[in-house]
Amino acid sequence: MKHARCALLRALRLLALLAAAGLPAATLADDQADVTQLMRSGQLAQALAKADQSLAAKPRDPQMRFLKGVVQSEMGRSADAITTFTQLTVDYPELPEPYNNLAVLYAGQSQLDKAREVLEMAIRASPGYATAHENLGDVYARLAGQSYGRAQQLDGTNTTAAPKLALIRQLFP
């Protein structure tokens, strides 16, 4: 129930942003559905072109900008996706999803401190956003693995770091 309530509040918040931007919801939904369908069918270049076309007419549309970032990420264009999600966090700091996706990209580049920082921002924006909490736990676990590995390097006689490191490596091969 609480999870459904949080999702409903996020949807209402996003609809309020769209209305404030003067964007007709039906048109936005059609464009978003088209981009999502193209993405699901693996037509990433076409999805990106459709997103760009939609954004040319409605450049502040947060959902389309978010979809564009997802498409860029799926295409392996991490730098572009980071730019897209970063700008979304600047323009719409109350939305936790761009922070979360930005953190996933940073973690994928082993920039764990940056990932931790933006996940903490996501949680500040929406304390009930479970995905950000889980991802933050994963980042902390990977940071712990780095520390255990370093402790083992520095002191080869340390018998407590090795089993902890092994456990972390089991979780994150």
C-alpha atoms as a PDB file:
ATOM      1  CA  MET A   1       0.000   0.000   0.000  1.00  0.00           C
ATOM      2  CA  LYS A   2       2.765   2.430   0.939  1.00  0.00           C
ATOM      3  CA  HIS A   3       4.657   1.516  -2.260  1.00  0.00           C
ATOM      4  CA  ALA A   4       1.561   2.219  -4.385  1.00  0.00           C
ATOM      5  CA  ARG A   5       0.994   5.493  -2.541  1.00  0.00           C
ATOM      6  CA  CYS A   6       4.596   6.618  -3.248  1.00  0.00           C
ATOM      7  CA  ALA A   7       4.239   5.733  -6.933  1.00  0.00           C
ATOM      8  CA  LEU A   8       0.960   7.638  -7.109  1.00  0.00           C
ATOM      9  CA  LEU A   9       2.516  10.683  -5.442  1.00  0.00           C
ATOM     10  CA  ARG A  10       5.450  10.601  -7.901  1.00  0.00           C
ATOM     11  CA  ALA A  11       3.034  10.334 -10.833  1.00  0.00           C
ATOM     12  CA  LEU A  12       0.960  13.240  -9.543  1.00  0.00           C
ATOM     13  CA  ARG A  13       4.107  15.309  -8.956  1.00  0.00           C
ATOM     14  CA  LEU A  14       5.274  14.626 -12.519  1.00  0.00           C
ATOM     15  CA  LEU A  15       1.831  15.473 -13.937  1.00  0.00           C
ATOM     16  CA  ALA A  16       1.901  18.757 -12.011  1.00  0.00           C
ATOM     17  CA  LEU A  17       5.313  19.534 -13.527  1.00  0.00           C
ATOM     18  CA  LEU A  18       3.992  18.756 -16.991  1.00  0.00           C
ATOM     19  CA  ALA A  19       0.938  20.931 -16.485  1.00  0.00           C
ATOM     20  CA  ALA A  20       3.110  23.766 -15.180  1.00  0.00           C
ATOM     21  CA  ALA A  21       5.210  23.486 -18.309  1.00  0.00           C
ATOM     22  CA  GLY A  22       2.032  23.781 -20.403  1.00  0.00           C
ATOM     23  CA  LEU A  23       2.475  20.400 -22.068  1.00  0.00           C
ATOM     24  CA  PRO A  24      -0.585  18.436 -23.213  1.00  0.00           C
ATOM     25  CA  ALA A  25      -0.528  15.045 -21.455  1.00  0.00           C
ATOM     26  CA  ALA A  26      -2.061  13.067 -24.367  1.00  0.00           C
ATOM     27  CA  THR A  27       0.613  14.150 -26.848  1.00  0.00           C
ATOM     28  CA  LEU A  28       3.343  13.454 -24.335  1.00  0.00           C
ATOM     29  CA  ALA A  29       1.962  10.004 -23.634  1.00  0.00           C
ATOM     30  CA  ASP A  30       1.892   9.141 -27.367  1.00  0.00           C
ATOM     31  CA  ASP A  31       5.500  10.228 -27.911  1.00  0.00           C
ATOM     32  CA  GLN A  32       6.640   8.447 -24.761  1.00  0.00           C
ATOM     33  CA  ALA A  33       4.822   5.278 -25.797  1.00  0.00           C
ATOM     34  CA  ASP A  34       6.486   5.430 -29.211  1.00  0.00           C
ATOM     35  CA  VAL A  35       9.962   5.876 -27.739  1.00  0.00           C
ATOM     36  CA  THR A  36       9.368   3.134 -25.187  1.00  0.00           C
ATOM     37  CA  GLN A  37       8.131   0.725 -27.871  1.00  0.00           C
ATOM     38  CA  LEU A  38      11.100   1.454 -30.122  1.00  0.00           C
ATOM     39  CA  MET A  39      13.434   0.926 -27.187  1.00  0.00           C
ATOM     40  CA  ARG A  40      11.793  -2.379 -26.218  1.00  0.00           C
ATOM     41  CA  SER A  41      12.077  -3.643 -29.770  1.00  0.00           C
ATOM     42  CA  GLY A  42      15.790  -2.830 -29.834  1.00  0.00           C
ATOM     43  CA  GLN A  43      15.486   0.057 -32.274  1.00  0.00           C
ATOM     44  CA  LEU A  44      17.612   2.351 -30.177  1.00  0.00           C
ATOM     45  CA  ALA A  45      18.710   4.757 -32.911  1.00  0.00           C
ATOM     46  CA  GLN A  46      15.075   5.282 -33.919  1.00  0.00           C
ATOM     47  CA  ALA A  47      14.057   5.700 -30.264  1.00  0.00           C
ATOM     48  CA  LEU A  48      16.713   8.364 -29.794  1.00  0.00           C
ATOM     49  CA  ALA A  49      15.638  10.147 -32.987  1.00  0.00           C
ATOM     50  CA  LYS A  50      11.992  10.095 -31.846  1.00  0.00           C
ATOM     51  CA  ALA A  51      12.988  11.422 -28.412  1.00  0.00           C
ATOM     52  CA  ASP A  52      15.008  14.222 -30.004  1.00  0.00           C
ATOM     53  CA  GLN A  53      12.100  15.049 -32.324  1.00  0.00           C
ATOM     54  CA  SER A  54       9.709  15.249 -29.378  1.00  0.00           C
ATOM     55  CA  LEU A  55      12.170  17.317 -27.327  1.00  0.00           C
ATOM     56  CA  ALA A  56      12.612  19.775 -30.204  1.00  0.00           C
ATOM     57  CA  ALA A  57       8.947  20.680 -29.729  1.00  0.00           C
ATOM     58  CA  LYS A  58       8.892  20.316 -25.916  1.00  0.00           C
ATOM     59  CA  PRO A  59      12.461  20.752 -24.624  1.00  0.00           C
ATOM     60  CA  ARG A  60      11.572  20.760 -20.909  1.00  0.00           C
ATOM     61  CA  ASP A  61       9.549  17.510 -20.920  1.00  0.00           C
ATOM     62  CA  PRO A  62      11.108  15.652 -17.963  1.00  0.00           C
ATOM     63  CA  GLN A  63       9.766  12.219 -18.886  1.00  0.00           C
ATOM     64  CA  MET A  64      11.022  12.399 -22.467  1.00  0.00           C
ATOM     65  CA  ARG A  65      14.373  13.694 -21.300  1.00  0.00           C
ATOM     66  CA  PHE A  66      14.536  10.788 -18.869  1.00  0.00           C
ATOM     67  CA  LEU A  67      13.688   8.322 -21.658  1.00  0.00           C
ATOM     68  CA  LYS A  68      16.373   9.903 -23.814  1.00  0.00           C
ATOM     69  CA  GLY A  69      18.909   9.310 -21.055  1.00  0.00           C
ATOM     70  CA  VAL A  70      17.818   5.678 -20.785  1.00  0.00           C
ATOM     71  CA  VAL A  71      18.173   5.218 -24.551  1.00  0.00           C
ATOM     72  CA  GLN A  72      21.613   6.841 -24.513  1.00  0.00           C
ATOM     73  CA  SER A  73      22.629   4.523 -21.704  1.00  0.00           C
ATOM     74  CA  GLU A  74      21.325   1.464 -23.570  1.00  0.00           C
ATOM     75  CA  MET A  75      23.310   2.568 -26.624  1.00  0.00           C
ATOM     76  CA  GLY A  76      26.497   2.646 -24.557  1.00  0.00           C
ATOM     77  CA  ARG A  77      26.679   6.423 -24.745  1.00  0.00           C
ATOM     78  CA  SER A  78      27.364   6.824 -21.036  1.00  0.00           C
ATOM     79  CA  ALA A  79      28.839  10.335 -21.271  1.00  0.00           C
ATOM     80  CA  ASP A  80      25.733  11.587 -23.098  1.00  0.00           C
ATOM     81  CA  ALA A  81      23.431   9.823 -20.628  1.00  0.00           C
ATOM     82  CA  ILE A  82      25.333  11.327 -17.696  1.00  0.00           C
ATOM     83  CA  THR A  83      24.884  14.781 -19.217  1.00  0.00           C
ATOM     84  CA  THR A  84      21.164  14.169 -19.769  1.00  0.00           C
ATOM     85  CA  PHE A  85      20.509  12.833 -16.250  1.00  0.00           C
ATOM     86  CA  THR A  86      22.684  15.514 -14.628  1.00  0.00           C
ATOM     87  CA  GLN A  87      20.734  18.278 -16.360  1.00  0.00           C
ATOM     88  CA  LEU A  88      17.480  16.638 -15.248  1.00  0.00           C
ATOM     89  CA  THR A  89      18.662  16.722 -11.621  1.00  0.00           C
ATOM     90  CA  VAL A  90      19.420  20.418 -12.005  1.00  0.00           C
ATOM     91  CA  ASP A  91      16.063  21.240 -13.622  1.00  0.00           C
ATOM     92  CA  TYR A  92      13.934  18.843 -11.524  1.00  0.00           C
ATOM     93  CA  PRO A  93      15.801  18.187  -8.247  1.00  0.00           C
ATOM     94  CA  GLU A  94      12.629  16.774  -6.681  1.00  0.00           C
ATOM     95  CA  LEU A  95      12.605  13.744  -9.026  1.00  0.00           C
ATOM     96  CA  PRO A  96      14.654  10.828  -7.627  1.00  0.00           C
ATOM     97  CA  GLU A  97      14.811   8.679 -10.777  1.00  0.00           C
ATOM     98  CA  PRO A  98      17.387  10.766 -12.687  1.00  0.00           C
ATOM     99  CA  TYR A  99      19.689  10.664  -9.640  1.00  0.00           C
ATOM    100  CA  ASN A 100      19.295   6.892  -9.450  1.00  0.00           C
ATOM    101  CA  ASN A 101      20.094   6.365 -13.125  1.00  0.00           C
ATOM    102  CA  LEU A 102      23.045   8.728 -12.860  1.00  0.00           C
ATOM    103  CA  ALA A 103      24.339   6.672  -9.923  1.00  0.00           C
ATOM    104  CA  VAL A 104      24.035   3.445 -11.920  1.00  0.00           C
ATOM    105  CA  LEU A 105      26.174   4.987 -14.661  1.00  0.00           C
ATOM    106  CA  TYR A 106      28.771   6.196 -12.171  1.00  0.00           C
ATOM    107  CA  ALA A 107      28.883   2.794 -10.459  1.00  0.00           C
ATOM    108  CA  GLY A 108      29.345   1.157 -13.864  1.00  0.00           C
ATOM    109  CA  GLN A 109      32.439   3.337 -14.291  1.00  0.00           C
ATOM    110  CA  SER A 110      33.663   2.409 -10.775  1.00  0.00           C
ATOM    111  CA  GLN A 111      33.080   5.986  -9.609  1.00  0.00           C
ATOM    112  CA  LEU A 112      31.538   4.710  -6.391  1.00  0.00           C
ATOM    113  CA  ASP A 113      31.894   7.922  -4.382  1.00  0.00           C
ATOM    114  CA  LYS A 114      29.963   9.841  -7.047  1.00  0.00           C
ATOM    115  CA  ALA A 115      27.365   7.068  -7.175  1.00  0.00           C
ATOM    116  CA  ARG A 116      26.951   7.226  -3.390  1.00  0.00           C
ATOM    117  CA  GLU A 117      26.590  10.996  -3.476  1.00  0.00           C
ATOM    118  CA  VAL A 118      23.840  11.070  -6.104  1.00  0.00           C
ATOM    119  CA  LEU A 119      21.973   8.166  -4.483  1.00  0.00           C
ATOM    120  CA  GLU A 120      21.929  10.124  -1.240  1.00  0.00           C
ATOM    121  CA  MET A 121      20.429  13.029  -3.221  1.00  0.00           C
ATOM    122  CA  ALA A 122      17.779  10.681  -4.650  1.00  0.00           C
ATOM    123  CA  ILE A 123      16.869   9.606  -1.132  1.00  0.00           C
ATOM    124  CA  ARG A 124      16.705  13.204   0.070  1.00  0.00           C
ATOM    125  CA  ALA A 125      14.386  13.972  -2.858  1.00  0.00           C
ATOM    126  CA  SER A 126      12.189  10.958  -2.108  1.00  0.00           C
ATOM    127  CA  PRO A 127      12.911   9.146   1.172  1.00  0.00           C
ATOM    128  CA  GLY A 128      10.519   6.324   0.237  1.00  0.00           C
ATOM    129  CA  TYR A 129      12.255   5.469  -3.056  1.00  0.00           C
ATOM    130  CA  ALA A 130      13.226   1.855  -2.338  1.00  0.00           C
ATOM    131  CA  THR A 131      15.318   1.394  -5.491  1.00  0.00           C
ATOM    132  CA  ALA A 132      17.708   4.162  -4.445  1.00  0.00           C
ATOM    133  CA  HIS A 133      18.038   2.629  -0.976  1.00  0.00           C
ATOM    134  CA  GLU A 134      18.875  -0.772  -2.471  1.00  0.00           C
ATOM    135  CA  ASN A 135      21.358   0.715  -4.931  1.00  0.00           C
ATOM    136  CA  LEU A 136      22.987   2.699  -2.131  1.00  0.00           C
ATOM    137  CA  GLY A 137      23.405  -0.556  -0.202  1.00  0.00           C
ATOM    138  CA  ASP A 138      25.085  -2.092  -3.248  1.00  0.00           C
ATOM    139  CA  VAL A 139      27.438   0.876  -3.547  1.00  0.00           C
ATOM    140  CA  TYR A 140      28.337   0.661   0.152  1.00  0.00           C
ATOM    141  CA  ALA A 141      29.012  -3.070  -0.244  1.00  0.00           C
ATOM    142  CA  ARG A 142      31.310  -2.436  -3.209  1.00  0.00           C
ATOM    143  CA  LEU A 143      33.090   0.320  -1.267  1.00  0.00           C
ATOM    144  CA  ALA A 144      33.499  -2.137   1.616  1.00  0.00           C
ATOM    145  CA  GLY A 145      34.994  -4.656  -0.806  1.00  0.00           C
ATOM    146  CA  GLN A 146      37.541  -2.086  -1.928  1.00  0.00           C
ATOM    147  CA  SER A 147      38.480  -1.370   1.689  1.00  0.00           C
ATOM    148  CA  TYR A 148      38.775  -5.061   2.585  1.00  0.00           C
ATOM    149  CA  GLY A 149      40.964  -5.618  -0.465  1.00  0.00           C
ATOM    150  CA  ARG A 150      43.190  -2.718   0.471  1.00  0.00           C
ATOM    151  CA  ALA A 151      43.436  -3.956   4.078  1.00  0.00           C
ATOM    152  CA  GLN A 152      44.507  -7.365   2.799  1.00  0.00           C
ATOM    153  CA  GLN A 153      47.146  -5.783   0.538  1.00  0.00           C
ATOM    154  CA  LEU A 154      48.541  -3.704   3.360  1.00  0.00           C
ATOM    155  CA  ASP A 155      48.576  -6.528   5.909  1.00  0.00           C
ATOM    156  CA  GLY A 156      48.903 -10.023   4.469  1.00  0.00           C
ATOM    157  CA  THR A 157      48.587 -11.497   7.964  1.00  0.00           C
ATOM    158  CA  ASN A 158      45.118  -9.999   8.461  1.00  0.00           C
ATOM    159  CA  THR A 159      42.810 -13.004   8.825  1.00  0.00           C
ATOM    160  CA  THR A 160      39.534 -11.103   9.162  1.00  0.00           C
ATOM    161  CA  ALA A 161      39.570  -9.101   5.918  1.00  0.00           C
ATOM    162  CA  ALA A 162      39.852 -12.098   3.579  1.00  0.00           C
ATOM    163  CA  PRO A 163      36.522 -13.777   4.473  1.00  0.00           C
ATOM    164  CA  LYS A 164      34.731 -10.428   4.306  1.00  0.00           C
ATOM    165  CA  LEU A 165      36.241  -9.722   0.897  1.00  0.00           C
ATOM    166  CA  ALA A 166      35.266 -13.206  -0.284  1.00  0.00           C
ATOM    167  CA  LEU A 167      31.674 -12.573   0.783  1.00  0.00           C
ATOM    168  CA  ILE A 168      31.558  -9.256  -1.071  1.00  0.00           C
ATOM    169  CA  ARG A 169      33.045 -10.880  -4.182  1.00  0.00           C
ATOM    170  CA  GLN A 170      30.357 -13.547  -3.963  1.00  0.00           C
ATOM    171  CA  LEU A 171      27.702 -10.838  -4.025  1.00  0.00           C
ATOM    172  CA  PHE A 172      29.383  -8.798  -6.742  1.00  0.00           C
ATOM    173  CA  PRO A 173      31.476 -11.068  -8.982  1.00  0.00           C
END
